Amino acid sequence: APGVYQLASLLVELDASDEASRILCADALYQMGWVEEAHKLLLVALSKNPQRSPLLARLALLQLKKGFLYDGNQLLKKVIKTGDTSCLLPIMDIFKDEDRKLMQTHCHFRALSLLTNNQED
C-alpha cells in the first residue's frame, strides 16, 4: 500500500484531474489505515464529479465505518439512483474483511427493512 500510495500521489501531481489516480490514492490510504485522509481525498474527487458511483460507494463505507449510518445510507441510495452498481463488487475486494462484513450486513438488514415496510404497506 505505501508504494501504491506514492505512485498514485505522483500521478495526481502530474494530472490533478485524473480521478482514477485519486481513487487509487484513497484506496491505498484506506489500506494503510489512514481513513480520515482517504475520506478527505474522496470528498475532493466527489466535489468534481458528484454522481460517480465508485466514489459514493467508498464514501458510504467510510461513513458506516465511522458509525454514521444515516450518511452511509444516503450515499448508498445515491449509488443505486445512478444506476451503476457494478462498482460495488470490485470495491468489496479492496475493503478489509471486517469492513466488507460491515457493508454486507448493513445492506442486508437495510434491504430486509425496506422489504418488510413495503409488505406492510
N, C-alpha and C. Protein backbone atom coordinates (compact mmCIF):
# COMPACT_ATOMS: atom_id res chain seq x y z
N ALA A 1 0.81 -1.21 0.00
CA ALA A 1 0.00 0.00 0.00
C ALA A 1 0.85 1.28 0.00
N PRO A 2 1.94 1.34 0.76
CA PRO A 2 2.74 2.58 0.71
C PRO A 2 3.29 2.88 -0.69
N GLY A 3 3.75 1.83 -1.40
CA GLY A 3 4.26 2.03 -2.75
C GLY A 3 3.17 2.48 -3.70
N VAL A 4 2.00 1.89 -3.57
CA VAL A 4 0.86 2.27 -4.41
C VAL A 4 0.48 3.72 -4.13
N TYR A 5 0.50 4.09 -2.85
CA TYR A 5 0.16 5.46 -2.48
C TYR A 5 1.16 6.44 -3.10
N GLN A 6 2.46 6.12 -3.04
CA GLN A 6 3.46 7.02 -3.60
C GLN A 6 3.28 7.16 -5.11
N LEU A 7 3.02 6.05 -5.79
CA LEU A 7 2.81 6.10 -7.24
C LEU A 7 1.55 6.90 -7.57
N ALA A 8 0.47 6.62 -6.87
CA ALA A 8 -0.79 7.33 -7.13
C ALA A 8 -0.64 8.82 -6.84
N SER A 9 0.10 9.16 -5.79
CA SER A 9 0.33 10.58 -5.46
C SER A 9 1.08 11.28 -6.58
N LEU A 10 2.07 10.61 -7.14
CA LEU A 10 2.81 11.17 -8.27
C LEU A 10 1.91 11.37 -9.48
N LEU A 11 1.05 10.40 -9.72
CA LEU A 11 0.11 10.52 -10.85
C LEU A 11 -0.85 11.69 -10.64
N VAL A 12 -1.30 11.89 -9.41
CA VAL A 12 -2.19 13.02 -9.11
C VAL A 12 -1.45 14.34 -9.32
N GLU A 13 -0.18 14.37 -8.93
CA GLU A 13 0.61 15.59 -9.14
C GLU A 13 0.78 15.89 -10.63
N LEU A 14 0.94 14.85 -11.43
CA LEU A 14 1.11 15.05 -12.87
C LEU A 14 -0.18 15.50 -13.54
N ASP A 15 -1.31 14.98 -13.06
CA ASP A 15 -2.61 15.33 -13.64
C ASP A 15 -3.63 15.40 -12.51
N ALA A 16 -3.86 16.59 -12.00
CA ALA A 16 -4.75 16.79 -10.86
C ALA A 16 -6.20 16.42 -11.18
N SER A 17 -6.55 16.33 -12.44
CA SER A 17 -7.92 16.00 -12.81
C SER A 17 -8.14 14.49 -13.00
N ASP A 18 -7.10 13.70 -12.82
CA ASP A 18 -7.20 12.25 -13.03
C ASP A 18 -7.90 11.59 -11.85
N GLU A 19 -9.15 11.26 -12.05
CA GLU A 19 -9.98 10.68 -10.98
C GLU A 19 -9.51 9.29 -10.58
N ALA A 20 -9.07 8.50 -11.55
CA ALA A 20 -8.62 7.14 -11.24
C ALA A 20 -7.43 7.16 -10.29
N SER A 21 -6.52 8.10 -10.49
CA SER A 21 -5.36 8.20 -9.60
C SER A 21 -5.79 8.61 -8.19
N ARG A 22 -6.77 9.50 -8.09
CA ARG A 22 -7.28 9.92 -6.78
C ARG A 22 -7.92 8.73 -6.06
N ILE A 23 -8.68 7.94 -6.80
CA ILE A 23 -9.32 6.76 -6.20
C ILE A 23 -8.26 5.77 -5.75
N LEU A 24 -7.26 5.53 -6.57
CA LEU A 24 -6.17 4.63 -6.21
C LEU A 24 -5.44 5.13 -4.97
N CYS A 25 -5.23 6.42 -4.90
CA CYS A 25 -4.57 7.04 -3.76
C CYS A 25 -5.43 6.85 -2.50
N ALA A 26 -6.72 7.09 -2.62
CA ALA A 26 -7.64 6.92 -1.48
C ALA A 26 -7.68 5.46 -1.02
N ASP A 27 -7.69 4.54 -1.97
CA ASP A 27 -7.69 3.12 -1.61
C ASP A 27 -6.42 2.74 -0.85
N ALA A 28 -5.29 3.27 -1.29
CA ALA A 28 -4.02 2.98 -0.61
C ALA A 28 -4.03 3.58 0.80
N LEU A 29 -4.54 4.79 0.93
CA LEU A 29 -4.63 5.40 2.26
C LEU A 29 -5.52 4.56 3.18
N TYR A 30 -6.63 4.10 2.65
CA TYR A 30 -7.54 3.24 3.42
C TYR A 30 -6.83 1.96 3.87
N GLN A 31 -6.11 1.34 2.95
CA GLN A 31 -5.40 0.10 3.27
C GLN A 31 -4.33 0.31 4.34
N MET A 32 -3.75 1.50 4.38
CA MET A 32 -2.72 1.81 5.38
C MET A 32 -3.33 2.24 6.70
N GLY A 33 -4.68 2.35 6.75
CA GLY A 33 -5.35 2.73 7.99
C GLY A 33 -5.54 4.23 8.15
N TRP A 34 -5.26 5.00 7.12
CA TRP A 34 -5.42 6.45 7.17
C TRP A 34 -6.80 6.82 6.62
N VAL A 35 -7.82 6.45 7.37
CA VAL A 35 -9.21 6.59 6.91
C VAL A 35 -9.60 8.05 6.72
N GLU A 36 -9.20 8.92 7.64
CA GLU A 36 -9.57 10.34 7.52
C GLU A 36 -8.97 10.97 6.26
N GLU A 37 -7.73 10.64 5.96
CA GLU A 37 -7.08 11.18 4.77
C GLU A 37 -7.77 10.65 3.51
N ALA A 38 -8.12 9.37 3.52
CA ALA A 38 -8.84 8.78 2.38
C ALA A 38 -10.18 9.47 2.20
N HIS A 39 -10.86 9.73 3.31
CA HIS A 39 -12.16 10.39 3.28
C HIS A 39 -12.04 11.78 2.65
N LYS A 40 -11.06 12.54 3.07
CA LYS A 40 -10.86 13.89 2.53
C LYS A 40 -10.57 13.85 1.03
N LEU A 41 -9.74 12.92 0.62
CA LEU A 41 -9.38 12.81 -0.79
C LEU A 41 -10.60 12.45 -1.64
N LEU A 42 -11.43 11.55 -1.13
CA LEU A 42 -12.65 11.17 -1.85
C LEU A 42 -13.63 12.33 -1.93
N LEU A 43 -13.72 13.12 -0.87
CA LEU A 43 -14.62 14.29 -0.90
C LEU A 43 -14.18 15.29 -1.95
N VAL A 44 -12.88 15.49 -2.10
CA VAL A 44 -12.37 16.40 -3.13
C VAL A 44 -12.75 15.86 -4.51
N ALA A 45 -12.52 14.57 -4.72
CA ALA A 45 -12.86 13.96 -6.01
C ALA A 45 -14.36 14.02 -6.28
N LEU A 46 -15.16 13.83 -5.22
CA LEU A 46 -16.62 13.87 -5.38
C LEU A 46 -17.11 15.27 -5.71
N SER A 47 -16.43 16.29 -5.20
CA SER A 47 -16.85 17.66 -5.49
C SER A 47 -16.73 17.97 -6.98
N LYS A 48 -15.84 17.27 -7.65
CA LYS A 48 -15.65 17.47 -9.09
C LYS A 48 -16.59 16.63 -9.93
N ASN A 49 -17.07 15.53 -9.36
CA ASN A 49 -17.97 14.63 -10.09
C ASN A 49 -18.92 13.98 -9.08
N PRO A 50 -20.01 14.67 -8.70
CA PRO A 50 -20.86 14.23 -7.60
C PRO A 50 -21.69 12.96 -7.86
N GLN A 51 -21.71 12.47 -9.07
CA GLN A 51 -22.54 11.29 -9.36
C GLN A 51 -21.72 10.04 -9.67
N ARG A 52 -20.45 10.01 -9.30
CA ARG A 52 -19.59 8.85 -9.58
C ARG A 52 -19.81 7.77 -8.56
N SER A 53 -20.34 6.65 -8.98
CA SER A 53 -20.65 5.53 -8.10
C SER A 53 -19.44 5.01 -7.32
N PRO A 54 -18.27 4.83 -7.95
CA PRO A 54 -17.14 4.32 -7.17
C PRO A 54 -16.76 5.24 -6.00
N LEU A 55 -16.87 6.53 -6.20
CA LEU A 55 -16.59 7.48 -5.12
C LEU A 55 -17.65 7.39 -4.03
N LEU A 56 -18.90 7.38 -4.45
CA LEU A 56 -20.01 7.33 -3.49
C LEU A 56 -19.96 6.05 -2.65
N ALA A 57 -19.67 4.93 -3.29
CA ALA A 57 -19.62 3.65 -2.57
C ALA A 57 -18.48 3.63 -1.55
N ARG A 58 -17.34 4.15 -1.92
CA ARG A 58 -16.21 4.19 -0.98
C ARG A 58 -16.53 5.11 0.19
N LEU A 59 -17.13 6.25 -0.10
CA LEU A 59 -17.51 7.17 0.97
C LEU A 59 -18.57 6.55 1.88
N ALA A 60 -19.48 5.79 1.29
CA ALA A 60 -20.51 5.12 2.11
C ALA A 60 -19.86 4.18 3.12
N LEU A 61 -18.88 3.41 2.67
CA LEU A 61 -18.19 2.51 3.60
C LEU A 61 -17.51 3.29 4.72
N LEU A 62 -16.84 4.37 4.36
CA LEU A 62 -16.14 5.15 5.38
C LEU A 62 -17.12 5.76 6.39
N GLN A 63 -18.28 6.17 5.91
CA GLN A 63 -19.29 6.71 6.82
C GLN A 63 -19.83 5.61 7.73
N LEU A 64 -20.09 4.43 7.19
CA LEU A 64 -20.56 3.32 8.02
C LEU A 64 -19.49 2.94 9.04
N LYS A 65 -18.24 2.95 8.62
CA LYS A 65 -17.13 2.60 9.50
C LYS A 65 -17.05 3.57 10.68
N LYS A 66 -17.38 4.84 10.42
CA LYS A 66 -17.36 5.85 11.48
C LYS A 66 -18.62 5.79 12.35
N GLY A 67 -19.60 5.00 11.93
CA GLY A 67 -20.85 4.89 12.69
C GLY A 67 -21.93 5.85 12.23
N PHE A 68 -21.71 6.52 11.11
CA PHE A 68 -22.69 7.46 10.58
C PHE A 68 -23.63 6.73 9.62
N LEU A 69 -24.60 6.00 10.20
CA LEU A 69 -25.49 5.15 9.40
C LEU A 69 -26.34 5.96 8.43
N TYR A 70 -26.89 7.08 8.88
CA TYR A 70 -27.75 7.89 8.00
C TYR A 70 -26.97 8.35 6.78
N ASP A 71 -25.77 8.90 7.01
CA ASP A 71 -24.95 9.37 5.89
C ASP A 71 -24.57 8.23 4.96
N GLY A 72 -24.22 7.08 5.54
CA GLY A 72 -23.91 5.91 4.73
C GLY A 72 -25.08 5.47 3.87
N ASN A 73 -26.27 5.48 4.48
CA ASN A 73 -27.49 5.12 3.73
C ASN A 73 -27.73 6.08 2.58
N GLN A 74 -27.57 7.37 2.83
CA GLN A 74 -27.81 8.36 1.79
C GLN A 74 -26.84 8.17 0.62
N LEU A 75 -25.61 7.87 0.93
CA LEU A 75 -24.63 7.65 -0.14
C LEU A 75 -24.94 6.38 -0.92
N LEU A 76 -25.36 5.33 -0.23
CA LEU A 76 -25.74 4.10 -0.93
C LEU A 76 -26.97 4.33 -1.82
N LYS A 77 -27.91 5.14 -1.35
CA LYS A 77 -29.08 5.48 -2.18
C LYS A 77 -28.64 6.19 -3.45
N LYS A 78 -27.67 7.09 -3.32
CA LYS A 78 -27.17 7.80 -4.50
C LYS A 78 -26.53 6.83 -5.48
N VAL A 79 -25.80 5.84 -4.96
CA VAL A 79 -25.18 4.84 -5.83
C VAL A 79 -26.27 4.12 -6.62
N ILE A 80 -27.32 3.72 -5.93
CA ILE A 80 -28.42 3.00 -6.57
C ILE A 80 -29.13 3.88 -7.58
N LYS A 81 -29.35 5.15 -7.24
CA LYS A 81 -30.04 6.07 -8.16
C LYS A 81 -29.24 6.34 -9.43
N THR A 82 -27.91 6.26 -9.34
CA THR A 82 -27.11 6.48 -10.55
C THR A 82 -27.31 5.33 -11.54
N GLY A 83 -27.75 4.18 -11.03
CA GLY A 83 -27.96 3.03 -11.89
C GLY A 83 -26.70 2.24 -12.16
N ASP A 84 -25.58 2.67 -11.58
CA ASP A 84 -24.31 1.99 -11.81
C ASP A 84 -23.84 1.36 -10.51
N THR A 85 -24.36 0.17 -10.25
CA THR A 85 -23.94 -0.55 -9.04
C THR A 85 -22.84 -1.56 -9.34
N SER A 86 -22.38 -1.57 -10.58
CA SER A 86 -21.34 -2.52 -10.97
C SER A 86 -20.03 -2.28 -10.23
N CYS A 87 -19.88 -1.10 -9.64
CA CYS A 87 -18.64 -0.78 -8.93
C CYS A 87 -18.58 -1.46 -7.57
N LEU A 88 -19.71 -1.91 -7.05
CA LEU A 88 -19.73 -2.45 -5.69
C LEU A 88 -18.93 -3.74 -5.54
N LEU A 89 -19.06 -4.65 -6.47
CA LEU A 89 -18.36 -5.93 -6.33
C LEU A 89 -16.83 -5.76 -6.36
N PRO A 90 -16.26 -5.02 -7.32
CA PRO A 90 -14.80 -4.84 -7.28
C PRO A 90 -14.33 -4.09 -6.04
N ILE A 91 -15.13 -3.16 -5.56
CA ILE A 91 -14.75 -2.40 -4.36
C ILE A 91 -14.70 -3.31 -3.14
N MET A 92 -15.57 -4.30 -3.11
CA MET A 92 -15.59 -5.22 -1.97
C MET A 92 -14.25 -5.95 -1.84
N ASP A 93 -13.54 -6.15 -2.95
CA ASP A 93 -12.22 -6.78 -2.89
C ASP A 93 -11.19 -5.88 -2.22
N ILE A 94 -11.40 -4.58 -2.26
CA ILE A 94 -10.48 -3.62 -1.67
C ILE A 94 -10.69 -3.51 -0.16
N PHE A 95 -11.94 -3.64 0.25
CA PHE A 95 -12.27 -3.47 1.67
C PHE A 95 -11.60 -4.55 2.51
N LYS A 96 -11.25 -4.17 3.70
CA LYS A 96 -10.73 -5.14 4.67
C LYS A 96 -11.89 -6.04 5.10
N ASP A 97 -11.57 -7.25 5.57
CA ASP A 97 -12.59 -8.24 5.89
C ASP A 97 -13.67 -7.69 6.82
N GLU A 98 -13.27 -7.02 7.89
CA GLU A 98 -14.27 -6.53 8.84
C GLU A 98 -15.14 -5.44 8.22
N ASP A 99 -14.58 -4.65 7.32
CA ASP A 99 -15.37 -3.61 6.65
C ASP A 99 -16.28 -4.20 5.59
N ARG A 100 -15.81 -5.25 4.93
CA ARG A 100 -16.64 -5.95 3.95
C ARG A 100 -17.87 -6.52 4.65
N LYS A 101 -17.65 -7.16 5.80
CA LYS A 101 -18.77 -7.71 6.57
C LYS A 101 -19.71 -6.61 7.03
N LEU A 102 -19.14 -5.48 7.46
CA LEU A 102 -19.96 -4.34 7.90
C LEU A 102 -20.87 -3.88 6.77
N MET A 103 -20.31 -3.70 5.59
CA MET A 103 -21.09 -3.24 4.43
C MET A 103 -22.14 -4.27 4.04
N GLN A 104 -21.76 -5.55 3.98
CA GLN A 104 -22.71 -6.59 3.60
C GLN A 104 -23.85 -6.70 4.61
N THR A 105 -23.51 -6.68 5.88
CA THR A 105 -24.53 -6.80 6.93
C THR A 105 -25.46 -5.59 6.90
N HIS A 106 -24.88 -4.41 6.79
CA HIS A 106 -25.69 -3.20 6.76
C HIS A 106 -26.66 -3.23 5.57
N CYS A 107 -26.15 -3.54 4.39
CA CYS A 107 -27.00 -3.57 3.20
C CYS A 107 -28.08 -4.65 3.32
N HIS A 108 -27.71 -5.80 3.87
CA HIS A 108 -28.67 -6.89 4.03
C HIS A 108 -29.82 -6.48 4.96
N PHE A 109 -29.48 -5.93 6.12
CA PHE A 109 -30.53 -5.55 7.07
C PHE A 109 -31.35 -4.37 6.56
N ARG A 110 -30.71 -3.46 5.84
CA ARG A 110 -31.45 -2.34 5.27
C ARG A 110 -32.43 -2.83 4.20
N ALA A 111 -32.01 -3.79 3.39
CA ALA A 111 -32.89 -4.35 2.37
C ALA A 111 -34.06 -5.08 3.01
N LEU A 112 -33.78 -5.86 4.05
CA LEU A 112 -34.86 -6.55 4.76
C LEU A 112 -35.85 -5.56 5.35
N SER A 113 -35.35 -4.48 5.90
CA SER A 113 -36.21 -3.45 6.47
C SER A 113 -37.11 -2.84 5.41
N LEU A 114 -36.53 -2.55 4.26
CA LEU A 114 -37.33 -1.98 3.17
C LEU A 114 -38.39 -2.96 2.68
N LEU A 115 -38.02 -4.23 2.55
CA LEU A 115 -38.98 -5.24 2.11
C LEU A 115 -40.11 -5.40 3.11
N THR A 116 -39.78 -5.42 4.39
CA THR A 116 -40.79 -5.57 5.44
C THR A 116 -41.75 -4.39 5.42
N ASN A 117 -41.21 -3.17 5.28
CA ASN A 117 -42.06 -1.98 5.24
C ASN A 117 -42.97 -1.98 4.02
N ASN A 118 -42.44 -2.43 2.88
CA ASN A 118 -43.26 -2.49 1.66
C ASN A 118 -44.38 -3.51 1.78
N GLN A 119 -44.12 -4.64 2.44
CA GLN A 119 -45.15 -5.66 2.62
C GLN A 119 -46.26 -5.17 3.55
N GLU A 120 -45.89 -4.40 4.56
CA GLU A 120 -46.89 -3.85 5.48
C GLU A 120 -47.76 -2.83 4.81
N ASP A 121 -47.19 -2.06 3.87
CA ASP A 121 -47.98 -1.05 3.14
C ASP A 121 -48.94 -1.72 2.19
